[in-house]
Amino acid sequence: MDKSLYKNEYKIILEQLYRLRIGSGMRQTDLAEKLNVPQSFVSKIESGERRIDLIELKEICEALGSNLKEFINEFEKAFNEAKK
C-alpha cells in the first residue's frame, strides 16, 4: 500500500491548502504566526515533506478564514474532476 503522502489525493489537498493561503493574501510567515509555529512548518506541509492530521488541517483552515467542511467539499470537487 502506498503511503498517502504520495497519492494523488494528498497532492490535491496540498494544492488546495496552497491556493487557500494565497487566496487569503497570507504569506507562509503570516500563517505560521497565526498557528504559532515556525515558517518551516508551513513550508514542509506545502511541499509535501510533512503530513498533517485532521486537527492540524482544521486549525490551518480556520487560520485561513475557512472551515474544515468547506475544505472537504472543495476537495471532493477537485478529486472528482481529477478522476475524469
PDB file of N, CA and C in Angstrom:
ATOM      1  N   MET A   1       0.849  -1.187   0.000  1.00  0.00           N
ATOM      2  CA  MET A   1       0.000   0.000   0.000  1.00  0.00           C
ATOM      3  C   MET A   1       0.888   1.241   0.000  1.00  0.00           C
ATOM      4  N   ASP A   2       0.616   2.149  -0.925  1.00  0.00           N
ATOM      5  CA  ASP A   2       1.383   3.395  -0.994  1.00  0.00           C
ATOM      6  C   ASP A   2       1.036   4.291   0.182  1.00  0.00           C
ATOM      7  N   LYS A   3       2.042   5.022   0.633  1.00  0.00           N
ATOM      8  CA  LYS A   3       1.787   5.995   1.686  1.00  0.00           C
ATOM      9  C   LYS A   3       0.922   7.113   1.122  1.00  0.00           C
ATOM     10  N   SER A   4       0.021   7.625   1.931  1.00  0.00           N
ATOM     11  CA  SER A   4      -0.916   8.643   1.457  1.00  0.00           C
ATOM     12  C   SER A   4      -0.209   9.903   0.985  1.00  0.00           C
ATOM     13  N   LEU A   5       0.984  10.147   1.481  1.00  0.00           N
ATOM     14  CA  LEU A   5       1.737  11.333   1.091  1.00  0.00           C
ATOM     15  C   LEU A   5       2.013  11.352  -0.404  1.00  0.00           C
ATOM     16  N   TYR A   6       2.073  10.182  -1.022  1.00  0.00           N
ATOM     17  CA  TYR A   6       2.420  10.094  -2.435  1.00  0.00           C
ATOM     18  C   TYR A   6       1.213   9.854  -3.331  1.00  0.00           C
ATOM     19  N   LYS A   7       0.053   9.806  -2.772  1.00  0.00           N
ATOM     20  CA  LYS A   7      -1.150   9.585  -3.556  1.00  0.00           C
ATOM     21  C   LYS A   7      -1.637  10.894  -4.161  1.00  0.00           C
ATOM     22  N   ASN A   8      -2.344  10.758  -5.274  1.00  0.00           N
ATOM     23  CA  ASN A   8      -2.915  11.926  -5.942  1.00  0.00           C
ATOM     24  C   ASN A   8      -3.826  12.725  -5.025  1.00  0.00           C
ATOM     25  N   GLU A   9      -4.569  12.025  -4.188  1.00  0.00           N
ATOM     26  CA  GLU A   9      -5.490  12.693  -3.277  1.00  0.00           C
ATOM     27  C   GLU A   9      -4.752  13.667  -2.352  1.00  0.00           C
ATOM     28  N   TYR A  10      -3.593  13.250  -1.880  1.00  0.00           N
ATOM     29  CA  TYR A  10      -2.842  14.127  -0.973  1.00  0.00           C
ATOM     30  C   TYR A  10      -2.293  15.328  -1.730  1.00  0.00           C
ATOM     31  N   LYS A  11      -1.906  15.118  -2.973  1.00  0.00           N
ATOM     32  CA  LYS A  11      -1.428  16.242  -3.787  1.00  0.00           C
ATOM     33  C   LYS A  11      -2.527  17.279  -3.963  1.00  0.00           C
ATOM     34  N   ILE A  12      -3.750  16.793  -4.127  1.00  0.00           N
ATOM     35  CA  ILE A  12      -4.888  17.714  -4.254  1.00  0.00           C
ATOM     36  C   ILE A  12      -5.051  18.524  -2.974  1.00  0.00           C
ATOM     37  N   ILE A  13      -4.926  17.873  -1.834  1.00  0.00           N
ATOM     38  CA  ILE A  13      -5.029  18.581  -0.550  1.00  0.00           C
ATOM     39  C   ILE A  13      -3.955  19.661  -0.442  1.00  0.00           C
ATOM     40  N   LEU A  14      -2.724  19.317  -0.809  1.00  0.00           N
ATOM     41  CA  LEU A  14      -1.629  20.288  -0.723  1.00  0.00           C
ATOM     42  C   LEU A  14      -1.864  21.479  -1.652  1.00  0.00           C
ATOM     43  N   GLU A  15      -2.341  21.194  -2.860  1.00  0.00           N
ATOM     44  CA  GLU A  15      -2.644  22.282  -3.797  1.00  0.00           C
ATOM     45  C   GLU A  15      -3.757  23.170  -3.259  1.00  0.00           C
ATOM     46  N   GLN A  16      -4.754  22.543  -2.669  1.00  0.00           N
ATOM     47  CA  GLN A  16      -5.860  23.300  -2.077  1.00  0.00           C
ATOM     48  C   GLN A  16      -5.380  24.202  -0.949  1.00  0.00           C
ATOM     49  N   LEU A  17      -4.538  23.663  -0.085  1.00  0.00           N
ATOM     50  CA  LEU A  17      -4.015  24.460   1.031  1.00  0.00           C
ATOM     51  C   LEU A  17      -3.223  25.655   0.509  1.00  0.00           C
ATOM     52  N   TYR A  18      -2.417  25.405  -0.505  1.00  0.00           N
ATOM     53  CA  TYR A  18      -1.622  26.496  -1.088  1.00  0.00           C
ATOM     54  C   TYR A  18      -2.549  27.571  -1.662  1.00  0.00           C
ATOM     55  N   ARG A  19      -3.541  27.156  -2.458  1.00  0.00           N
ATOM     56  CA  ARG A  19      -4.466  28.125  -3.060  1.00  0.00           C
ATOM     57  C   ARG A  19      -5.252  28.882  -1.992  1.00  0.00           C
ATOM     58  N   LEU A  20      -5.648  28.187  -0.942  1.00  0.00           N
ATOM     59  CA  LEU A  20      -6.377  28.827   0.143  1.00  0.00           C
ATOM     60  C   LEU A  20      -5.511  29.886   0.824  1.00  0.00           C
ATOM     61  N   ARG A  21      -4.245  29.545   1.060  1.00  0.00           N
ATOM     62  CA  ARG A  21      -3.340  30.517   1.695  1.00  0.00           C
ATOM     63  C   ARG A  21      -3.122  31.726   0.799  1.00  0.00           C
ATOM     64  N   ILE A  22      -2.829  31.472  -0.479  1.00  0.00           N
ATOM     65  CA  ILE A  22      -2.601  32.577  -1.416  1.00  0.00           C
ATOM     66  C   ILE A  22      -3.868  33.421  -1.558  1.00  0.00           C
ATOM     67  N   GLY A  23      -4.999  32.755  -1.671  1.00  0.00           N
ATOM     68  CA  GLY A  23      -6.279  33.453  -1.798  1.00  0.00           C
ATOM     69  C   GLY A  23      -6.618  34.322  -0.595  1.00  0.00           C
ATOM     70  N   SER A  24      -6.104  33.935   0.553  1.00  0.00           N
ATOM     71  CA  SER A  24      -6.367  34.727   1.758  1.00  0.00           C
ATOM     72  C   SER A  24      -5.375  35.879   1.901  1.00  0.00           C
ATOM     73  N   GLY A  25      -4.418  35.935   0.971  1.00  0.00           N
ATOM     74  CA  GLY A  25      -3.437  37.027   0.997  1.00  0.00           C
ATOM     75  C   GLY A  25      -2.342  36.840   2.027  1.00  0.00           C
ATOM     76  N   MET A  26      -2.169  35.629   2.501  1.00  0.00           N
ATOM     77  CA  MET A  26      -1.148  35.366   3.530  1.00  0.00           C
ATOM     78  C   MET A  26       0.115  34.772   2.925  1.00  0.00           C
ATOM     79  N   ARG A  27       1.214  35.173   3.509  1.00  0.00           N
ATOM     80  CA  ARG A  27       2.495  34.529   3.220  1.00  0.00           C
ATOM     81  C   ARG A  27       2.636  33.353   4.187  1.00  0.00           C
ATOM     82  N   GLN A  28       3.582  32.498   3.905  1.00  0.00           N
ATOM     83  CA  GLN A  28       3.827  31.383   4.822  1.00  0.00           C
ATOM     84  C   GLN A  28       4.125  31.901   6.222  1.00  0.00           C
ATOM     85  N   THR A  29       4.867  32.982   6.311  1.00  0.00           N
ATOM     86  CA  THR A  29       5.212  33.524   7.631  1.00  0.00           C
ATOM     87  C   THR A  29       3.972  34.021   8.373  1.00  0.00           C
ATOM     88  N   ASP A  30       3.019  34.589   7.635  1.00  0.00           N
ATOM     89  CA  ASP A  30       1.779  35.069   8.264  1.00  0.00           C
ATOM     90  C   ASP A  30       0.982  33.907   8.849  1.00  0.00           C
ATOM     91  N   LEU A  31       0.853  32.847   8.050  1.00  0.00           N
ATOM     92  CA  LEU A  31       0.116  31.676   8.518  1.00  0.00           C
ATOM     93  C   LEU A  31       0.824  31.038   9.706  1.00  0.00           C
ATOM     94  N   ALA A  32       2.132  30.920   9.610  1.00  0.00           N
ATOM     95  CA  ALA A  32       2.906  30.331  10.703  1.00  0.00           C
ATOM     96  C   ALA A  32       2.696  31.117  11.995  1.00  0.00           C
ATOM     97  N   GLU A  33       2.675  32.434  11.881  1.00  0.00           N
ATOM     98  CA  GLU A  33       2.468  33.272  13.066  1.00  0.00           C
ATOM     99  C   GLU A  33       1.095  33.006  13.685  1.00  0.00           C
ATOM    100  N   LYS A  34       0.071  32.904  12.835  1.00  0.00           N
ATOM    101  CA  LYS A  34      -1.280  32.623  13.343  1.00  0.00           C
ATOM    102  C   LYS A  34      -1.358  31.264  14.024  1.00  0.00           C
ATOM    103  N   LEU A  35      -0.602  30.298  13.507  1.00  0.00           N
ATOM    104  CA  LEU A  35      -0.612  28.950  14.062  1.00  0.00           C
ATOM    105  C   LEU A  35       0.375  28.775  15.208  1.00  0.00           C
ATOM    106  N   ASN A  36       1.201  29.800  15.427  1.00  0.00           N
ATOM    107  CA  ASN A  36       2.234  29.752  16.463  1.00  0.00           C
ATOM    108  C   ASN A  36       3.238  28.617  16.213  1.00  0.00           C
ATOM    109  N   VAL A  37       3.667  28.544  14.952  1.00  0.00           N
ATOM    110  CA  VAL A  37       4.657  27.546  14.535  1.00  0.00           C
ATOM    111  C   VAL A  37       5.703  28.255  13.683  1.00  0.00           C
ATOM    112  N   PRO A  38       6.858  27.623  13.446  1.00  0.00           N
ATOM    113  CA  PRO A  38       7.843  28.236  12.561  1.00  0.00           C
ATOM    114  C   PRO A  38       7.365  28.223  11.100  1.00  0.00           C
ATOM    115  N   GLN A  39       7.881  29.132  10.318  1.00  0.00           N
ATOM    116  CA  GLN A  39       7.532  29.190   8.889  1.00  0.00           C
ATOM    117  C   GLN A  39       7.891  27.887   8.203  1.00  0.00           C
ATOM    118  N   SER A  40       8.935  27.228   8.644  1.00  0.00           N
ATOM    119  CA  SER A  40       9.345  25.969   8.026  1.00  0.00           C
ATOM    120  C   SER A  40       8.262  24.898   8.156  1.00  0.00           C
ATOM    121  N   PHE A  41       7.441  24.977   9.195  1.00  0.00           N
ATOM    122  CA  PHE A  41       6.328  24.049   9.388  1.00  0.00           C
ATOM    123  C   PHE A  41       5.363  24.160   8.211  1.00  0.00           C
ATOM    124  N   VAL A  42       5.009  25.389   7.850  1.00  0.00           N
ATOM    125  CA  VAL A  42       4.094  25.629   6.733  1.00  0.00           C
ATOM    126  C   VAL A  42       4.744  25.203   5.428  1.00  0.00           C
ATOM    127  N   SER A  43       5.991  25.548   5.252  1.00  0.00           N
ATOM    128  CA  SER A  43       6.718  25.185   4.037  1.00  0.00           C
ATOM    129  C   SER A  43       6.766  23.667   3.847  1.00  0.00           C
ATOM    130  N   LYS A  44       7.056  22.954   4.906  1.00  0.00           N
ATOM    131  CA  LYS A  44       7.147  21.492   4.821  1.00  0.00           C
ATOM    132  C   LYS A  44       5.789  20.867   4.513  1.00  0.00           C
ATOM    133  N   ILE A  45       4.735  21.444   5.006  1.00  0.00           N
ATOM    134  CA  ILE A  45       3.394  20.942   4.690  1.00  0.00           C
ATOM    135  C   ILE A  45       3.118  21.158   3.207  1.00  0.00           C
ATOM    136  N   GLU A  46       3.333  22.380   2.744  1.00  0.00           N
ATOM    137  CA  GLU A  46       3.012  22.712   1.355  1.00  0.00           C
ATOM    138  C   GLU A  46       3.875  21.943   0.352  1.00  0.00           C
ATOM    139  N   SER A  47       5.081  21.603   0.729  1.00  0.00           N
ATOM    140  CA  SER A  47       5.963  20.866  -0.187  1.00  0.00           C
ATOM    141  C   SER A  47       5.725  19.360  -0.118  1.00  0.00           C
ATOM    142  N   GLY A  48       4.917  18.923   0.839  1.00  0.00           N
ATOM    143  CA  GLY A  48       4.641  17.504   0.987  1.00  0.00           C
ATOM    144  C   GLY A  48       5.665  16.772   1.830  1.00  0.00           C
ATOM    145  N   GLU A  49       6.573  17.516   2.418  1.00  0.00           N
ATOM    146  CA  GLU A  49       7.600  16.903   3.265  1.00  0.00           C
ATOM    147  C   GLU A  49       7.036  16.461   4.613  1.00  0.00           C
ATOM    148  N   ARG A  50       5.978  17.144   5.056  1.00  0.00           N
ATOM    149  CA  ARG A  50       5.377  16.835   6.351  1.00  0.00           C
ATOM    150  C   ARG A  50       3.893  16.593   6.166  1.00  0.00           C
ATOM    151  N   ARG A  51       3.408  15.508   6.734  1.00  0.00           N
ATOM    152  CA  ARG A  51       1.980  15.208   6.713  1.00  0.00           C
ATOM    153  C   ARG A  51       1.292  15.951   7.838  1.00  0.00           C
ATOM    154  N   ILE A  52      -0.002  16.169   7.653  1.00  0.00           N
ATOM    155  CA  ILE A  52      -0.786  16.805   8.711  1.00  0.00           C
ATOM    156  C   ILE A  52      -1.942  15.887   9.076  1.00  0.00           C
ATOM    157  N   ASP A  53      -2.386  16.023  10.308  1.00  0.00           N
ATOM    158  CA  ASP A  53      -3.539  15.237  10.732  1.00  0.00           C
ATOM    159  C   ASP A  53      -4.795  16.106  10.617  1.00  0.00           C
ATOM    160  N   LEU A  54      -5.914  15.526  10.950  1.00  0.00           N
ATOM    161  CA  LEU A  54      -7.194  16.201  10.796  1.00  0.00           C
ATOM    162  C   LEU A  54      -7.297  17.450  11.668  1.00  0.00           C
ATOM    163  N   ILE A  55      -6.786  17.368  12.874  1.00  0.00           N
ATOM    164  CA  ILE A  55      -6.844  18.520  13.783  1.00  0.00           C
ATOM    165  C   ILE A  55      -5.999  19.670  13.235  1.00  0.00           C
ATOM    166  N   GLU A  56      -4.809  19.354  12.723  1.00  0.00           N
ATOM    167  CA  GLU A  56      -3.960  20.394  12.136  1.00  0.00           C
ATOM    168  C   GLU A  56      -4.634  21.000  10.908  1.00  0.00           C
ATOM    169  N   LEU A  57      -5.251  20.166  10.088  1.00  0.00           N
ATOM    170  CA  LEU A  57      -5.957  20.672   8.903  1.00  0.00           C
ATOM    171  C   LEU A  57      -7.069  21.628   9.317  1.00  0.00           C
ATOM    172  N   LYS A  58      -7.806  21.268  10.335  1.00  0.00           N
ATOM    173  CA  LYS A  58      -8.880  22.134  10.847  1.00  0.00           C
ATOM    174  C   LYS A  58      -8.321  23.480  11.314  1.00  0.00           C
ATOM    175  N   GLU A  59      -7.222  23.449  12.053  1.00  0.00           N
ATOM    176  CA  GLU A  59      -6.613  24.682  12.557  1.00  0.00           C
ATOM    177  C   GLU A  59      -6.093  25.551  11.407  1.00  0.00           C
ATOM    178  N   ILE A  60      -5.510  24.915  10.405  1.00  0.00           N
ATOM    179  CA  ILE A  60      -4.993  25.660   9.258  1.00  0.00           C
ATOM    180  C   ILE A  60      -6.150  26.311   8.501  1.00  0.00           C
ATOM    181  N   CYS A  61      -7.196  25.555   8.254  1.00  0.00           N
ATOM    182  CA  CYS A  61      -8.360  26.112   7.565  1.00  0.00           C
ATOM    183  C   CYS A  61      -8.917  27.323   8.306  1.00  0.00           C
ATOM    184  N   GLU A  62      -9.074  27.189   9.594  1.00  0.00           N
ATOM    185  CA  GLU A  62      -9.611  28.294  10.393  1.00  0.00           C
ATOM    186  C   GLU A  62      -8.682  29.503  10.382  1.00  0.00           C
ATOM    187  N   ALA A  63      -7.380  29.262  10.430  1.00  0.00           N
ATOM    188  CA  ALA A  63      -6.417  30.371  10.391  1.00  0.00           C
ATOM    189  C   ALA A  63      -6.472  31.096   9.050  1.00  0.00           C
ATOM    190  N   LEU A  64      -6.913  30.384   8.013  1.00  0.00           N
ATOM    191  CA  LEU A  64      -7.016  30.974   6.681  1.00  0.00           C
ATOM    192  C   LEU A  64      -8.406  31.515   6.385  1.00  0.00           C
ATOM    193  N   GLY A  65      -9.241  31.554   7.407  1.00  0.00           N
ATOM    194  CA  GLY A  65     -10.575  32.124   7.251  1.00  0.00           C
ATOM    195  C   GLY A  65     -11.579  31.184   6.605  1.00  0.00           C
ATOM    196  N   SER A  66     -11.318  29.914   6.649  1.00  0.00           N
ATOM    197  CA  SER A  66     -12.216  28.910   6.084  1.00  0.00           C
ATOM    198  C   SER A  66     -12.630  27.956   7.195  1.00  0.00           C
ATOM    199  N   ASN A  67     -13.209  26.842   6.822  1.00  0.00           N
ATOM    200  CA  ASN A  67     -13.500  25.816   7.807  1.00  0.00           C
ATOM    201  C   ASN A  67     -13.321  24.447   7.165  1.00  0.00           C
ATOM    202  N   LEU A  68     -13.267  23.448   7.979  1.00  0.00           N
ATOM    203  CA  LEU A  68     -12.981  22.097   7.511  1.00  0.00           C
ATOM    204  C   LEU A  68     -14.049  21.587   6.546  1.00  0.00           C
ATOM    205  N   LYS A  69     -15.295  21.891   6.819  1.00  0.00           N
ATOM    206  CA  LYS A  69     -16.381  21.427   5.951  1.00  0.00           C
ATOM    207  C   LYS A  69     -16.228  21.997   4.539  1.00  0.00           C
ATOM    208  N   GLU A  70     -15.954  23.289   4.424  1.00  0.00           N
ATOM    209  CA  GLU A  70     -15.745  23.912   3.116  1.00  0.00           C
ATOM    210  C   GLU A  70     -14.546  23.282   2.407  1.00  0.00           C
ATOM    211  N   PHE A  71     -13.492  23.052   3.169  1.00  0.00           N
ATOM    212  CA  PHE A  71     -12.284  22.474   2.598  1.00  0.00           C
ATOM    213  C   PHE A  71     -12.567  21.083   2.039  1.00  0.00           C
ATOM    214  N   ILE A  72     -13.280  20.277   2.788  1.00  0.00           N
ATOM    215  CA  ILE A  72     -13.613  18.914   2.354  1.00  0.00           C
ATOM    216  C   ILE A  72     -14.501  18.951   1.118  1.00  0.00           C
ATOM    217  N   ASN A  73     -15.472  19.851   1.096  1.00  0.00           N
ATOM    218  CA  ASN A  73     -16.334  19.981  -0.083  1.00  0.00           C
ATOM    219  C   ASN A  73     -15.521  20.330  -1.326  1.00  0.00           C
ATOM    220  N   GLU A  74     -14.590  21.264  -1.179  1.00  0.00           N
ATOM    221  CA  GLU A  74     -13.728  21.644  -2.301  1.00  0.00           C
ATOM    222  C   GLU A  74     -12.817  20.491  -2.709  1.00  0.00           C
ATOM    223  N   PHE A  75     -12.351  19.735  -1.726  1.00  0.00           N
ATOM    224  CA  PHE A  75     -11.519  18.573  -2.026  1.00  0.00           C
ATOM    225  C   PHE A  75     -12.306  17.561  -2.855  1.00  0.00           C
ATOM    226  N   GLU A  76     -13.526  17.298  -2.448  1.00  0.00           N
ATOM    227  CA  GLU A  76     -14.365  16.341  -3.176  1.00  0.00           C
ATOM    228  C   GLU A  76     -14.558  16.779  -4.624  1.00  0.00           C
ATOM    229  N   LYS A  77     -14.811  18.063  -4.842  1.00  0.00           N
ATOM    230  CA  LYS A  77     -14.977  18.576  -6.206  1.00  0.00           C
ATOM    231  C   LYS A  77     -13.700  18.380  -7.016  1.00  0.00           C
ATOM    232  N   ALA A  78     -12.571  18.786  -6.440  1.00  0.00           N
ATOM    233  CA  ALA A  78     -11.282  18.663  -7.139  1.00  0.00           C
ATOM    234  C   ALA A  78     -10.928  17.209  -7.399  1.00  0.00           C
ATOM    235  N   PHE A  79     -11.196  16.348  -6.442  1.00  0.00           N
ATOM    236  CA  PHE A  79     -10.894  14.930  -6.594  1.00  0.00           C
ATOM    237  C   PHE A  79     -11.736  14.318  -7.701  1.00  0.00           C
ATOM    238  N   ASN A  80     -13.014  14.647  -7.731  1.00  0.00           N
ATOM    239  CA  ASN A  80     -13.891  14.124  -8.775  1.00  0.00           C
ATOM    240  C   ASN A  80     -13.491  14.637 -10.163  1.00  0.00           C
ATOM    241  N   GLU A  81     -13.065  15.882 -10.229  1.00  0.00           N
ATOM    242  CA  GLU A  81     -12.595  16.438 -11.511  1.00  0.00           C
ATOM    243  C   GLU A  81     -11.321  15.734 -11.970  1.00  0.00           C
ATOM    244  N   ALA A  82     -10.434  15.434 -11.048  1.00  0.00           N
ATOM    245  CA  ALA A  82      -9.171  14.784 -11.386  1.00  0.00           C
ATOM    246  C   ALA A  82      -9.388  13.353 -11.876  1.00  0.00           C
ATOM    247  N   LYS A  83     -10.465  12.731 -11.434  1.00  0.00           N
ATOM    248  CA  LYS A  83     -10.760  11.361 -11.840  1.00  0.00           C
ATOM    249  C   LYS A  83     -11.281  11.279 -13.271  1.00  0.00           C
ATOM    250  N   LYS A  84     -11.796  12.375 -13.793  1.00  0.00           N
ATOM    251  CA  LYS A  84     -12.391  12.377 -15.143  1.00  0.00           C
ATOM    252  C   LYS A  84     -11.344  12.226 -16.225  1.00  0.00           C
TER     253      LYS A  84
END
